[in-house]
Amino acid sequence: DDEGHSAAKIGHAQEAIDLVEQTTFDLVILDIWL
């Protein structure tokens, strides 16, 4: 956010999948273990 981007923050796999389907993102930063 400080760099001028808009960050969506998710902690669960299904929420991430749902958001990817609903929103057009430019980048995903993804943890290996959830």
PDB file of all heavy atoms in Angstrom:
ATOM      1  N   ASP A   1       0.834  -1.209   0.000  1.00  0.00           N
ATOM      2  CA  ASP A   1       0.000   0.000   0.000  1.00  0.00           C
ATOM      3  C   ASP A   1       0.867   1.256   0.000  1.00  0.00           C
ATOM      4  O   ASP A   1       0.552   2.239  -0.690  1.00  0.00           O
ATOM      5  CB  ASP A   1      -0.932   0.002   1.218  1.00  0.00           C
ATOM      6  CG  ASP A   1      -2.045  -1.037   1.106  1.00  0.00           C
ATOM      7  OD1 ASP A   1      -2.320  -1.477  -0.034  1.00  0.00           O
ATOM      8  OD2 ASP A   1      -2.622  -1.410   2.147  1.00  0.00           O
ATOM      9  N   ASP A   2       1.955   1.213   0.764  1.00  0.00           N
ATOM     10  CA  ASP A   2       2.862   2.363   0.805  1.00  0.00           C
ATOM     11  C   ASP A   2       3.510   2.623  -0.556  1.00  0.00           C
ATOM     12  O   ASP A   2       3.876   3.762  -0.873  1.00  0.00           O
ATOM     13  CB  ASP A   2       3.962   2.131   1.854  1.00  0.00           C
ATOM     14  CG  ASP A   2       3.432   2.216   3.282  1.00  0.00           C
ATOM     15  OD1 ASP A   2       2.318   2.769   3.460  1.00  0.00           O
ATOM     16  OD2 ASP A   2       4.106   1.701   4.196  1.00  0.00           O
ATOM     17  N   GLU A   3       3.640   1.571  -1.358  1.00  0.00           N
ATOM     18  CA  GLU A   3       4.226   1.704  -2.689  1.00  0.00           C
ATOM     19  C   GLU A   3       3.206   2.154  -3.729  1.00  0.00           C
ATOM     20  O   GLU A   3       3.511   2.259  -4.915  1.00  0.00           O
ATOM     21  CB  GLU A   3       4.857   0.375  -3.130  1.00  0.00           C
ATOM     22  CG  GLU A   3       6.097  -0.007  -2.352  1.00  0.00           C
ATOM     23  CD  GLU A   3       7.236   0.976  -2.581  1.00  0.00           C
ATOM     24  OE1 GLU A   3       7.518   1.295  -3.760  1.00  0.00           O
ATOM     25  OE2 GLU A   3       7.845   1.430  -1.588  1.00  0.00           O
ATOM     26  N   GLY A   4       1.973   2.391  -3.286  1.00  0.00           N
ATOM     27  CA  GLY A   4       0.937   2.869  -4.201  1.00  0.00           C
ATOM     28  C   GLY A   4       0.076   1.788  -4.817  1.00  0.00           C
ATOM     29  O   GLY A   4      -0.723   2.059  -5.723  1.00  0.00           O
ATOM     30  N   HIS A   5       0.225   0.564  -4.338  1.00  0.00           N
ATOM     31  CA  HIS A   5      -0.574  -0.539  -4.868  1.00  0.00           C
ATOM     32  C   HIS A   5      -1.805  -0.765  -3.990  1.00  0.00           C
ATOM     33  O   HIS A   5      -1.937  -0.202  -2.897  1.00  0.00           O
ATOM     34  CB  HIS A   5       0.261  -1.824  -4.951  1.00  0.00           C
ATOM     35  CG  HIS A   5       1.501  -1.683  -5.763  1.00  0.00           C
ATOM     36  ND1 HIS A   5       1.484  -1.276  -7.081  1.00  0.00           N
ATOM     37  CD2 HIS A   5       2.820  -1.880  -5.443  1.00  0.00           C
ATOM     38  CE1 HIS A   5       2.718  -1.245  -7.557  1.00  0.00           C
ATOM     39  NE2 HIS A   5       3.555  -1.593  -6.575  1.00  0.00           N
ATOM     40  N   SER A   6      -2.689  -1.618  -4.471  1.00  0.00           N
ATOM     41  CA  SER A   6      -3.875  -2.006  -3.698  1.00  0.00           C
ATOM     42  C   SER A   6      -3.738  -3.476  -3.349  1.00  0.00           C
ATOM     43  O   SER A   6      -3.733  -4.339  -4.243  1.00  0.00           O
ATOM     44  CB  SER A   6      -5.149  -1.766  -4.525  1.00  0.00           C
ATOM     45  OG  SER A   6      -6.285  -2.259  -3.855  1.00  0.00           O
ATOM     46  N   ALA A   7      -3.637  -3.788  -2.052  1.00  0.00           N
ATOM     47  CA  ALA A   7      -3.376  -5.156  -1.614  1.00  0.00           C
ATOM     48  C   ALA A   7      -4.609  -5.747  -0.943  1.00  0.00           C
ATOM     49  O   ALA A   7      -5.171  -5.165  -0.010  1.00  0.00           O
ATOM     50  CB  ALA A   7      -2.190  -5.196  -0.662  1.00  0.00           C
ATOM     51  N   ALA A   8      -5.023  -6.926  -1.425  1.00  0.00           N
ATOM     52  CA  ALA A   8      -6.065  -7.709  -0.774  1.00  0.00           C
ATOM     53  C   ALA A   8      -5.375  -8.796   0.039  1.00  0.00           C
ATOM     54  O   ALA A   8      -4.488  -9.487  -0.473  1.00  0.00           O
ATOM     55  CB  ALA A   8      -7.001  -8.319  -1.817  1.00  0.00           C
ATOM     56  N   LYS A   9      -5.773  -8.981   1.313  1.00  0.00           N
ATOM     57  CA  LYS A   9      -5.059  -9.893   2.219  1.00  0.00           C
ATOM     58  C   LYS A   9      -5.984 -11.027   2.638  1.00  0.00           C
ATOM     59  O   LYS A   9      -7.045 -10.786   3.232  1.00  0.00           O
ATOM     60  CB  LYS A   9      -4.559  -9.116   3.437  1.00  0.00           C
ATOM     61  CG  LYS A   9      -3.517  -8.050   3.074  1.00  0.00           C
ATOM     62  CD  LYS A   9      -3.371  -6.986   4.126  1.00  0.00           C
ATOM     63  CE  LYS A   9      -4.557  -6.014   4.082  1.00  0.00           C
ATOM     64  NZ  LYS A   9      -4.358  -4.829   4.959  1.00  0.00           N
ATOM     65  N   ILE A  10      -5.570 -12.265   2.328  1.00  0.00           N
ATOM     66  CA  ILE A  10      -6.390 -13.448   2.562  1.00  0.00           C
ATOM     67  C   ILE A  10      -5.559 -14.484   3.314  1.00  0.00           C
ATOM     68  O   ILE A  10      -4.359 -14.660   3.044  1.00  0.00           O
ATOM     69  CB  ILE A  10      -6.897 -14.046   1.225  1.00  0.00           C
ATOM     70  CG1 ILE A  10      -7.815 -13.058   0.513  1.00  0.00           C
ATOM     71  CG2 ILE A  10      -7.630 -15.361   1.461  1.00  0.00           C
ATOM     72  CD1 ILE A  10      -9.094 -12.726   1.266  1.00  0.00           C
ATOM     73  N   GLY A  11      -6.212 -15.224   4.233  1.00  0.00           N
ATOM     74  CA  GLY A  11      -5.492 -16.223   5.014  1.00  0.00           C
ATOM     75  C   GLY A  11      -5.914 -17.645   4.754  1.00  0.00           C
ATOM     76  O   GLY A  11      -5.367 -18.566   5.363  1.00  0.00           O
ATOM     77  N   HIS A  12      -6.902 -17.866   3.858  1.00  0.00           N
ATOM     78  CA  HIS A  12      -7.426 -19.210   3.641  1.00  0.00           C
ATOM     79  C   HIS A  12      -7.469 -19.512   2.145  1.00  0.00           C
ATOM     80  O   HIS A  12      -7.751 -18.638   1.323  1.00  0.00           O
ATOM     81  CB  HIS A  12      -8.833 -19.322   4.245  1.00  0.00           C
ATOM     82  CG  HIS A  12      -9.349 -20.723   4.312  1.00  0.00           C
ATOM     83  ND1 HIS A  12     -10.027 -21.300   3.266  1.00  0.00           N
ATOM     84  CD2 HIS A  12      -9.280 -21.654   5.302  1.00  0.00           C
ATOM     85  CE1 HIS A  12     -10.359 -22.539   3.612  1.00  0.00           C
ATOM     86  NE2 HIS A  12      -9.921 -22.775   4.833  1.00  0.00           N
ATOM     87  N   ALA A  13      -7.200 -20.777   1.800  1.00  0.00           N
ATOM     88  CA  ALA A  13      -7.091 -21.163   0.391  1.00  0.00           C
ATOM     89  C   ALA A  13      -8.382 -20.901  -0.389  1.00  0.00           C
ATOM     90  O   ALA A  13      -8.353 -20.340  -1.489  1.00  0.00           O
ATOM     91  CB  ALA A  13      -6.704 -22.642   0.290  1.00  0.00           C
ATOM     92  N   GLN A  14      -9.521 -21.322   0.162  1.00  0.00           N
ATOM     93  CA  GLN A  14     -10.771 -21.181  -0.582  1.00  0.00           C
ATOM     94  C   GLN A  14     -11.119 -19.717  -0.803  1.00  0.00           C
ATOM     95  O   GLN A  14     -11.610 -19.337  -1.870  1.00  0.00           O
ATOM     96  CB  GLN A  14     -11.923 -21.875   0.166  1.00  0.00           C
ATOM     97  CG  GLN A  14     -13.203 -21.973  -0.665  1.00  0.00           C
ATOM     98  CD  GLN A  14     -12.993 -22.710  -1.979  1.00  0.00           C
ATOM     99  OE1 GLN A  14     -12.479 -23.820  -2.011  1.00  0.00           O
ATOM    100  NE2 GLN A  14     -13.383 -22.073  -3.094  1.00  0.00           N
ATOM    101  N   GLU A  15     -10.847 -18.875   0.192  1.00  0.00           N
ATOM    102  CA  GLU A  15     -11.088 -17.443   0.021  1.00  0.00           C
ATOM    103  C   GLU A  15     -10.214 -16.879  -1.095  1.00  0.00           C
ATOM    104  O   GLU A  15     -10.656 -16.021  -1.882  1.00  0.00           O
ATOM    105  CB  GLU A  15     -10.789 -16.705   1.333  1.00  0.00           C
ATOM    106  CG  GLU A  15     -11.762 -17.026   2.461  1.00  0.00           C
ATOM    107  CD  GLU A  15     -11.366 -16.343   3.759  1.00  0.00           C
ATOM    108  OE1 GLU A  15     -10.203 -15.902   3.859  1.00  0.00           O
ATOM    109  OE2 GLU A  15     -12.215 -16.243   4.651  1.00  0.00           O
ATOM    110  N   ALA A  16      -8.981 -17.371  -1.177  1.00  0.00           N
ATOM    111  CA  ALA A  16      -8.070 -16.922  -2.236  1.00  0.00           C
ATOM    112  C   ALA A  16      -8.593 -17.337  -3.608  1.00  0.00           C
ATOM    113  O   ALA A  16      -8.603 -16.541  -4.550  1.00  0.00           O
ATOM    114  CB  ALA A  16      -6.673 -17.496  -1.991  1.00  0.00           C
ATOM    115  N   ILE A  17      -9.030 -18.593  -3.728  1.00  0.00           N
ATOM    116  CA  ILE A  17      -9.563 -19.091  -5.007  1.00  0.00           C
ATOM    117  C   ILE A  17     -10.785 -18.276  -5.422  1.00  0.00           C
ATOM    118  O   ILE A  17     -10.911 -17.860  -6.586  1.00  0.00           O
ATOM    119  CB  ILE A  17      -9.947 -20.582  -4.881  1.00  0.00           C
ATOM    120  CG1 ILE A  17      -8.697 -21.438  -4.687  1.00  0.00           C
ATOM    121  CG2 ILE A  17     -10.741 -21.042  -6.113  1.00  0.00           C
ATOM    122  CD1 ILE A  17      -7.729 -21.391  -5.829  1.00  0.00           C
ATOM    123  N   ASP A  18     -11.685 -18.039  -4.481  1.00  0.00           N
ATOM    124  CA  ASP A  18     -12.900 -17.275  -4.785  1.00  0.00           C
ATOM    125  C   ASP A  18     -12.553 -15.869  -5.259  1.00  0.00           C
ATOM    126  O   ASP A  18     -13.153 -15.349  -6.213  1.00  0.00           O
ATOM    127  CB  ASP A  18     -13.813 -17.196  -3.552  1.00  0.00           C
ATOM    128  CG  ASP A  18     -14.400 -18.555  -3.185  1.00  0.00           C
ATOM    129  OD1 ASP A  18     -14.390 -19.459  -4.045  1.00  0.00           O
ATOM    130  OD2 ASP A  18     -14.848 -18.703  -2.030  1.00  0.00           O
ATOM    131  N   LEU A  19     -11.582 -15.245  -4.611  1.00  0.00           N
ATOM    132  CA  LEU A  19     -11.224 -13.869  -4.956  1.00  0.00           C
ATOM    133  C   LEU A  19     -10.542 -13.796  -6.321  1.00  0.00           C
ATOM    134  O   LEU A  19     -10.768 -12.849  -7.087  1.00  0.00           O
ATOM    135  CB  LEU A  19     -10.310 -13.285  -3.870  1.00  0.00           C
ATOM    136  CG  LEU A  19     -10.296 -11.745  -3.737  1.00  0.00           C
ATOM    137  CD1 LEU A  19     -11.707 -11.204  -3.583  1.00  0.00           C
ATOM    138  CD2 LEU A  19      -9.432 -11.325  -2.557  1.00  0.00           C
ATOM    139  N   VAL A  20      -9.721 -14.800  -6.635  1.00  0.00           N
ATOM    140  CA  VAL A  20      -9.077 -14.837  -7.951  1.00  0.00           C
ATOM    141  C   VAL A  20     -10.125 -14.966  -9.050  1.00  0.00           C
ATOM    142  O   VAL A  20      -9.992 -14.388 -10.138  1.00  0.00           O
ATOM    143  CB  VAL A  20      -8.061 -16.000  -8.027  1.00  0.00           C
ATOM    144  CG1 VAL A  20      -7.633 -16.260  -9.472  1.00  0.00           C
ATOM    145  CG2 VAL A  20      -6.840 -15.692  -7.173  1.00  0.00           C
ATOM    146  N   GLU A  21     -11.191 -15.725  -8.783  1.00  0.00           N
ATOM    147  CA  GLU A  21     -12.258 -15.895  -9.773  1.00  0.00           C
ATOM    148  C   GLU A  21     -13.065 -14.614  -9.953  1.00  0.00           C
ATOM    149  O   GLU A  21     -13.582 -14.343 -11.034  1.00  0.00           O
ATOM    150  CB  GLU A  21     -13.193 -17.035  -9.352  1.00  0.00           C
ATOM    151  CG  GLU A  21     -12.563 -18.408  -9.397  1.00  0.00           C
ATOM    152  CD  GLU A  21     -12.306 -18.879 -10.820  1.00  0.00           C
ATOM    153  OE1 GLU A  21     -12.707 -18.193 -11.769  1.00  0.00           O
ATOM    154  OE2 GLU A  21     -11.675 -19.943 -10.980  1.00  0.00           O
ATOM    155  N   GLN A  22     -13.183 -13.814  -8.885  1.00  0.00           N
ATOM    156  CA  GLN A  22     -14.059 -12.647  -8.915  1.00  0.00           C
ATOM    157  C   GLN A  22     -13.346 -11.360  -9.310  1.00  0.00           C
ATOM    158  O   GLN A  22     -13.992 -10.408  -9.767  1.00  0.00           O
ATOM    159  CB  GLN A  22     -14.699 -12.453  -7.526  1.00  0.00           C
ATOM    160  CG  GLN A  22     -15.580 -13.604  -7.080  1.00  0.00           C
ATOM    161  CD  GLN A  22     -15.907 -13.554  -5.594  1.00  0.00           C
ATOM    162  OE1 GLN A  22     -15.612 -12.561  -4.924  1.00  0.00           O
ATOM    163  NE2 GLN A  22     -16.509 -14.611  -5.085  1.00  0.00           N
ATOM    164  N   THR A  23     -12.041 -11.298  -9.134  1.00  0.00           N
ATOM    165  CA  THR A  23     -11.303 -10.047  -9.301  1.00  0.00           C
ATOM    166  C   THR A  23     -10.122 -10.254 -10.238  1.00  0.00           C
ATOM    167  O   THR A  23      -9.497 -11.317 -10.238  1.00  0.00           O
ATOM    168  CB  THR A  23     -10.780  -9.539  -7.930  1.00  0.00           C
ATOM    169  OG1 THR A  23     -11.855  -9.500  -7.003  1.00  0.00           O
ATOM    170  CG2 THR A  23     -10.164  -8.156  -8.064  1.00  0.00           C
ATOM    171  N   THR A  24      -9.828  -9.219 -11.013  1.00  0.00           N
ATOM    172  CA  THR A  24      -8.656  -9.266 -11.888  1.00  0.00           C
ATOM    173  C   THR A  24      -7.449  -8.709 -11.132  1.00  0.00           C
ATOM    174  O   THR A  24      -7.389  -7.520 -10.821  1.00  0.00           O
ATOM    175  CB  THR A  24      -8.894  -8.440 -13.158  1.00  0.00           C
ATOM    176  OG1 THR A  24     -10.023  -8.970 -13.852  1.00  0.00           O
ATOM    177  CG2 THR A  24      -7.678  -8.493 -14.080  1.00  0.00           C
ATOM    178  N   PHE A  25      -6.489  -9.572 -10.820  1.00  0.00           N
ATOM    179  CA  PHE A  25      -5.279  -9.156 -10.111  1.00  0.00           C
ATOM    180  C   PHE A  25      -4.104  -9.066 -11.084  1.00  0.00           C
ATOM    181  O   PHE A  25      -4.087  -9.713 -12.128  1.00  0.00           O
ATOM    182  CB  PHE A  25      -4.940 -10.156  -8.995  1.00  0.00           C
ATOM    183  CG  PHE A  25      -5.862 -10.092  -7.812  1.00  0.00           C
ATOM    184  CD1 PHE A  25      -6.853 -11.047  -7.622  1.00  0.00           C
ATOM    185  CD2 PHE A  25      -5.750  -9.056  -6.895  1.00  0.00           C
ATOM    186  CE1 PHE A  25      -7.703 -10.993  -6.541  1.00  0.00           C
ATOM    187  CE2 PHE A  25      -6.599  -8.978  -5.801  1.00  0.00           C
ATOM    188  CZ  PHE A  25      -7.583  -9.950  -5.627  1.00  0.00           C
ATOM    189  N   ASP A  26      -3.128  -8.240 -10.703  1.00  0.00           N
ATOM    190  CA  ASP A  26      -1.895  -8.126 -11.477  1.00  0.00           C
ATOM    191  C   ASP A  26      -0.799  -9.033 -10.939  1.00  0.00           C
ATOM    192  O   ASP A  26       0.166  -9.327 -11.640  1.00  0.00           O
ATOM    193  CB  ASP A  26      -1.400  -6.673 -11.459  1.00  0.00           C
ATOM    194  CG  ASP A  26      -2.408  -5.718 -12.073  1.00  0.00           C
ATOM    195  OD1 ASP A  26      -2.630  -5.811 -13.293  1.00  0.00           O
ATOM    196  OD2 ASP A  26      -2.980  -4.895 -11.338  1.00  0.00           O
ATOM    197  N   LEU A  27      -0.945  -9.475  -9.678  1.00  0.00           N
ATOM    198  CA  LEU A  27       0.086 -10.289  -9.044  1.00  0.00           C
ATOM    199  C   LEU A  27      -0.507 -10.997  -7.827  1.00  0.00           C
ATOM    200  O   LEU A  27      -1.372 -10.450  -7.146  1.00  0.00           O
ATOM    201  CB  LEU A  27       1.264  -9.408  -8.615  1.00  0.00           C
ATOM    202  CG  LEU A  27       2.365 -10.046  -7.758  1.00  0.00           C
ATOM    203  CD1 LEU A  27       3.106 -11.113  -8.538  1.00  0.00           C
ATOM    204  CD2 LEU A  27       3.350  -8.975  -7.258  1.00  0.00           C
ATOM    205  N   VAL A  28      -0.032 -12.231  -7.580  1.00  0.00           N
ATOM    206  CA  VAL A  28      -0.387 -12.964  -6.366  1.00  0.00           C
ATOM    207  C   VAL A  28       0.899 -13.289  -5.608  1.00  0.00           C
ATOM    208  O   VAL A  28       1.857 -13.812  -6.202  1.00  0.00           O
ATOM    209  CB  VAL A  28      -1.150 -14.262  -6.683  1.00  0.00           C
ATOM    210  CG1 VAL A  28      -1.404 -15.060  -5.397  1.00  0.00           C
ATOM    211  CG2 VAL A  28      -2.471 -13.962  -7.394  1.00  0.00           C
ATOM    212  N   ILE A  29       0.921 -12.967  -4.309  1.00  0.00           N
ATOM    213  CA  ILE A  29       2.021 -13.355  -3.419  1.00  0.00           C
ATOM    214  C   ILE A  29       1.466 -14.447  -2.522  1.00  0.00           C
ATOM    215  O   ILE A  29       0.521 -14.219  -1.762  1.00  0.00           O
ATOM    216  CB  ILE A  29       2.542 -12.161  -2.606  1.00  0.00           C
ATOM    217  CG1 ILE A  29       3.064 -11.077  -3.552  1.00  0.00           C
ATOM    218  CG2 ILE A  29       3.640 -12.609  -1.645  1.00  0.00           C
ATOM    219  CD1 ILE A  29       3.550  -9.816  -2.838  1.00  0.00           C
ATOM    220  N   LEU A  30       2.049 -15.651  -2.604  1.00  0.00           N
ATOM    221  CA  LEU A  30       1.413 -16.848  -2.060  1.00  0.00           C
ATOM    222  C   LEU A  30       2.348 -17.636  -1.154  1.00  0.00           C
ATOM    223  O   LEU A  30       3.457 -17.990  -1.546  1.00  0.00           O
ATOM    224  CB  LEU A  30       0.961 -17.718  -3.249  1.00  0.00           C
ATOM    225  CG  LEU A  30       0.335 -19.067  -2.984  1.00  0.00           C
ATOM    226  CD1 LEU A  30      -0.970 -18.916  -2.219  1.00  0.00           C
ATOM    227  CD2 LEU A  30       0.085 -19.777  -4.323  1.00  0.00           C
ATOM    228  N   ASP A  31       1.882 -17.926   0.051  1.00  0.00           N
ATOM    229  CA  ASP A  31       2.662 -18.730   0.987  1.00  0.00           C
ATOM    230  C   ASP A  31       2.566 -20.205   0.606  1.00  0.00           C
ATOM    231  O   ASP A  31       1.528 -20.667   0.116  1.00  0.00           O
ATOM    232  CB  ASP A  31       2.123 -18.520   2.406  1.00  0.00           C
ATOM    233  CG  ASP A  31       3.037 -19.113   3.465  1.00  0.00           C
ATOM    234  OD1 ASP A  31       4.177 -19.487   3.109  1.00  0.00           O
ATOM    235  OD2 ASP A  31       2.618 -19.218   4.626  1.00  0.00           O
ATOM    236  N   ILE A  32       3.665 -20.958   0.846  1.00  0.00           N
ATOM    237  CA  ILE A  32       3.683 -22.383   0.531  1.00  0.00           C
ATOM    238  C   ILE A  32       2.713 -23.150   1.421  1.00  0.00           C
ATOM    239  O   ILE A  32       1.924 -23.975   0.957  1.00  0.00           O
ATOM    240  CB  ILE A  32       5.103 -22.956   0.698  1.00  0.00           C
ATOM    241  CG1 ILE A  32       5.992 -22.530  -0.480  1.00  0.00           C
ATOM    242  CG2 ILE A  32       5.068 -24.473   0.806  1.00  0.00           C
ATOM    243  CD1 ILE A  32       5.719 -23.287  -1.753  1.00  0.00           C
ATOM    244  N   TRP A  33       2.777 -22.889   2.755  1.00  0.00           N
ATOM    245  CA  TRP A  33       1.951 -23.635   3.699  1.00  0.00           C
ATOM    246  C   TRP A  33       0.814 -22.757   4.203  1.00  0.00           C
ATOM    247  O   TRP A  33       1.025 -21.623   4.615  1.00  0.00           O
ATOM    248  CB  TRP A  33       2.794 -24.119   4.892  1.00  0.00           C
ATOM    249  CG  TRP A  33       3.946 -25.000   4.499  1.00  0.00           C
ATOM    250  CD1 TRP A  33       5.263 -24.751   4.677  1.00  0.00           C
ATOM    251  CD2 TRP A  33       3.854 -26.262   3.838  1.00  0.00           C
ATOM    252  NE1 TRP A  33       6.023 -25.762   4.182  1.00  0.00           N
ATOM    253  CE2 TRP A  33       5.187 -26.721   3.661  1.00  0.00           C
ATOM    254  CE3 TRP A  33       2.807 -27.062   3.403  1.00  0.00           C
ATOM    255  CZ2 TRP A  33       5.487 -27.941   3.056  1.00  0.00           C
ATOM    256  CZ3 TRP A  33       3.109 -28.279   2.796  1.00  0.00           C
ATOM    257  CH2 TRP A  33       4.427 -28.696   2.630  1.00  0.00           C
ATOM    258  N   LEU A  34      -0.382 -23.312   4.152  1.00  0.00           N
ATOM    259  CA  LEU A  34      -1.564 -22.607   4.645  1.00  0.00           C
ATOM    260  C   LEU A  34      -2.282 -23.523   5.630  1.00  0.00           C
ATOM    261  O   LEU A  34      -2.904 -24.519   5.237  1.00  0.00           O
ATOM    262  CB  LEU A  34      -2.500 -22.233   3.487  1.00  0.00           C
ATOM    263  CG  LEU A  34      -1.927 -21.292   2.428  1.00  0.00           C
ATOM    264  CD1 LEU A  34      -2.892 -21.180   1.250  1.00  0.00           C
ATOM    265  CD2 LEU A  34      -1.675 -19.908   3.031  1.00  0.00           C
TER     266      LEU A  34
END
